[in-house]
Amino acid sequence: MKNKMRMLCLMQENGHSDQEIKQLERAANKLYKKHFGEKYSLLPVWVVVPRGQAFLAAQPSTTTTVTMPVENHIENDVRHPFMYEFCQMWMDITQCHQNEIILNVTDRKVAEEFAKKTVGRINPTTRFYHVGKQLTKLVKSKVLNGYYSMNFNFDR
């Protein structure tokens, strides 16, 4: 599990078909291995933003935001070719406009700190319950849909 890198994808409700999601996951894993080594694999998690809850340029957004880590201190001359190829792959599969994919590729340390702080925002007395509930939803979606998915609004 040490070399599993979490790929977090915030997408609009009904933004991508199940087939596109599975194709994006396969292509993203292949690209990641190509650029950073065979010892890595991505663990994609799709976070669904209900329609109308995201805006871009004062209009409802169709943009997907993808974030994933790489090992710490990877130079931009290594990072940027991956990012370029990833965005091209995404546009080819989804037929989206270049302004409908936002890609963040952060150092692993930054991604891990962000994840810890996100969990830390949950009330400590109910944290176990809420984290367990979300993990259950993720596993259920994997069984039913073939990929990990959850709603942006945790109560859904």
Protein backbone atom coordinates (compact mmCIF):
# COMPACT_ATOMS: atom_id res chain seq x y z
CA MET A 1 0.00 0.00 0.00
CA LYS A 2 3.02 2.26 0.48
CA ASN A 3 3.22 3.20 -3.20
CA LYS A 4 -0.51 3.69 -3.76
CA MET A 5 -1.10 7.31 -4.58
CA ARG A 6 -4.60 8.69 -4.02
CA MET A 7 -6.04 10.42 -7.08
CA LEU A 8 -8.92 12.59 -5.93
CA CYS A 9 -11.34 13.63 -8.68
CA LEU A 10 -14.01 16.24 -7.95
CA MET A 11 -16.56 16.00 -10.73
CA GLN A 12 -20.00 17.36 -11.37
CA GLU A 13 -22.95 15.02 -10.88
CA ASN A 14 -23.43 13.00 -14.10
CA GLY A 15 -20.25 14.61 -15.43
CA HIS A 16 -18.74 11.36 -16.68
CA SER A 17 -20.21 7.99 -17.57
CA ASP A 18 -19.17 4.82 -15.74
CA GLN A 19 -17.34 3.76 -18.90
CA GLU A 20 -15.41 7.06 -19.06
CA ILE A 21 -14.50 6.84 -15.39
CA LYS A 22 -13.09 3.33 -15.77
CA GLN A 23 -11.23 4.34 -18.94
CA LEU A 24 -9.81 7.44 -17.20
CA GLU A 25 -8.65 5.33 -14.26
CA ARG A 26 -6.84 2.84 -16.51
CA ALA A 27 -5.22 5.56 -18.61
CA ALA A 28 -4.21 7.61 -15.54
CA ASN A 29 -2.54 4.58 -13.94
CA LYS A 30 -0.67 3.79 -17.14
CA LEU A 31 0.58 7.38 -17.47
CA TYR A 32 1.59 7.61 -13.82
CA LYS A 33 3.66 4.43 -14.11
CA LYS A 34 5.21 5.66 -17.36
CA HIS A 35 6.38 8.94 -15.81
CA PHE A 36 7.13 7.95 -12.20
CA GLY A 37 7.83 4.21 -12.22
CA GLU A 38 6.17 0.82 -12.17
CA LYS A 39 6.30 0.64 -8.37
CA TYR A 40 3.44 3.16 -8.16
CA SER A 41 -0.26 2.79 -8.72
CA LEU A 42 -3.11 5.24 -8.35
CA LEU A 43 -6.09 4.80 -6.08
CA PRO A 44 -8.75 6.96 -7.73
CA VAL A 45 -11.58 8.34 -5.60
CA TRP A 46 -14.40 10.17 -7.35
CA VAL A 47 -16.10 12.88 -5.32
CA VAL A 48 -19.41 13.85 -6.90
CA VAL A 49 -20.43 17.49 -6.56
CA PRO A 50 -24.21 17.87 -6.85
CA ARG A 51 -25.28 19.83 -9.90
CA GLY A 52 -25.49 23.55 -9.26
CA GLN A 53 -23.06 23.53 -6.31
CA ALA A 54 -19.97 24.53 -8.30
CA PHE A 55 -19.51 27.62 -10.43
CA LEU A 56 -16.78 28.79 -12.79
CA ALA A 57 -16.82 32.30 -14.26
CA ALA A 58 -20.17 32.92 -12.53
CA GLN A 59 -21.81 30.00 -14.35
CA PRO A 60 -22.55 26.39 -13.35
CA SER A 61 -19.32 24.48 -13.82
CA THR A 62 -18.66 21.36 -15.86
CA THR A 63 -15.01 21.32 -14.79
CA THR A 64 -13.40 18.35 -13.10
CA THR A 65 -10.57 18.93 -10.63
CA VAL A 66 -8.04 16.15 -10.22
CA THR A 67 -5.36 16.14 -7.56
CA MET A 68 -2.70 13.54 -6.88
CA PRO A 69 0.69 13.39 -5.21
CA VAL A 70 4.12 12.55 -6.50
CA GLU A 71 7.20 11.85 -4.44
CA ASN A 72 8.53 14.89 -2.61
CA HIS A 73 10.74 17.33 -4.48
CA ILE A 74 10.04 16.05 -8.00
CA GLU A 75 11.26 18.84 -10.26
CA ASN A 76 8.87 20.60 -12.62
CA ASP A 77 10.84 19.39 -15.65
CA VAL A 78 9.65 15.88 -14.66
CA ARG A 79 6.24 16.88 -13.29
CA HIS A 80 5.12 19.11 -16.18
CA PRO A 81 5.42 16.56 -19.01
CA PHE A 82 3.24 14.20 -16.96
CA MET A 83 0.71 16.96 -16.31
CA TYR A 84 0.58 17.90 -19.99
CA GLU A 85 0.12 14.30 -21.10
CA PHE A 86 -2.48 13.67 -18.38
CA CYS A 87 -4.60 16.65 -19.45
CA GLN A 88 -4.33 15.59 -23.11
CA MET A 89 -5.43 12.06 -22.18
CA TRP A 90 -8.35 13.45 -20.16
CA MET A 91 -9.52 15.67 -23.02
CA ASP A 92 -9.23 12.80 -25.51
CA ILE A 93 -11.36 10.46 -23.40
CA THR A 94 -13.98 12.93 -22.18
CA GLN A 95 -14.03 15.27 -25.18
CA CYS A 96 -13.94 18.15 -22.70
CA HIS A 97 -12.54 21.60 -23.41
CA GLN A 98 -9.05 22.39 -22.11
CA ASN A 99 -10.64 24.66 -19.50
CA GLU A 100 -12.73 21.79 -18.08
CA ILE A 101 -9.88 19.86 -16.50
CA ILE A 102 -7.86 21.23 -13.58
CA LEU A 103 -4.92 19.11 -12.51
CA ASN A 104 -2.94 19.56 -9.29
CA VAL A 105 0.14 17.41 -8.79
CA THR A 106 1.51 18.09 -5.31
CA ASP A 107 4.36 16.68 -3.28
CA ARG A 108 3.33 13.59 -1.33
CA LYS A 109 4.04 15.30 1.99
CA VAL A 110 1.63 18.14 1.15
CA ALA A 111 -1.10 15.69 0.09
CA GLU A 112 -0.70 13.66 3.29
CA GLU A 113 -0.84 16.78 5.47
CA PHE A 114 -3.95 17.97 3.66
CA ALA A 115 -5.66 14.59 4.15
CA LYS A 116 -4.84 14.61 7.88
CA LYS A 117 -6.15 18.15 8.30
CA THR A 118 -9.32 17.28 6.42
CA VAL A 119 -10.05 14.37 8.76
CA GLY A 120 -9.00 16.53 11.70
CA ARG A 121 -11.82 18.97 10.93
CA ILE A 122 -14.39 16.33 11.86
CA ASN A 123 -15.58 16.51 15.45
CA PRO A 124 -13.41 14.05 17.42
CA THR A 125 -16.42 12.56 19.24
CA THR A 126 -18.12 11.60 15.94
CA ARG A 127 -15.03 11.17 13.73
CA PHE A 128 -14.99 7.36 13.89
CA TYR A 129 -18.66 7.21 12.87
CA HIS A 130 -18.33 9.68 9.98
CA VAL A 131 -15.09 8.23 8.60
CA GLY A 132 -16.56 4.72 8.86
CA LYS A 133 -19.71 5.86 7.07
CA GLN A 134 -17.68 7.34 4.20
CA LEU A 135 -15.47 4.26 3.91
CA THR A 136 -18.60 2.10 3.77
CA LYS A 137 -19.98 4.28 0.95
CA LEU A 138 -16.70 4.00 -0.94
CA VAL A 139 -16.62 0.21 -0.69
CA LYS A 140 -20.29 -0.02 -1.68
CA SER A 141 -19.68 2.12 -4.77
CA LYS A 142 -16.68 -0.02 -5.74
CA VAL A 143 -18.80 -3.16 -5.52
CA LEU A 144 -21.77 -1.65 -7.38
CA ASN A 145 -20.01 0.56 -9.95
CA GLY A 146 -16.48 -0.76 -10.22
CA TYR A 147 -14.86 2.43 -8.85
CA TYR A 148 -14.66 4.33 -5.58
CA SER A 149 -17.13 7.20 -5.44
CA MET A 150 -18.76 9.38 -2.79
CA ASN A 151 -20.90 12.50 -2.65
CA PHE A 152 -19.28 15.85 -1.88
CA ASN A 153 -22.01 16.45 0.68
CA PHE A 154 -21.15 13.77 3.24
CA ASP A 155 -24.74 13.42 4.39
CA ARG A 156 -25.87 12.04 1.01
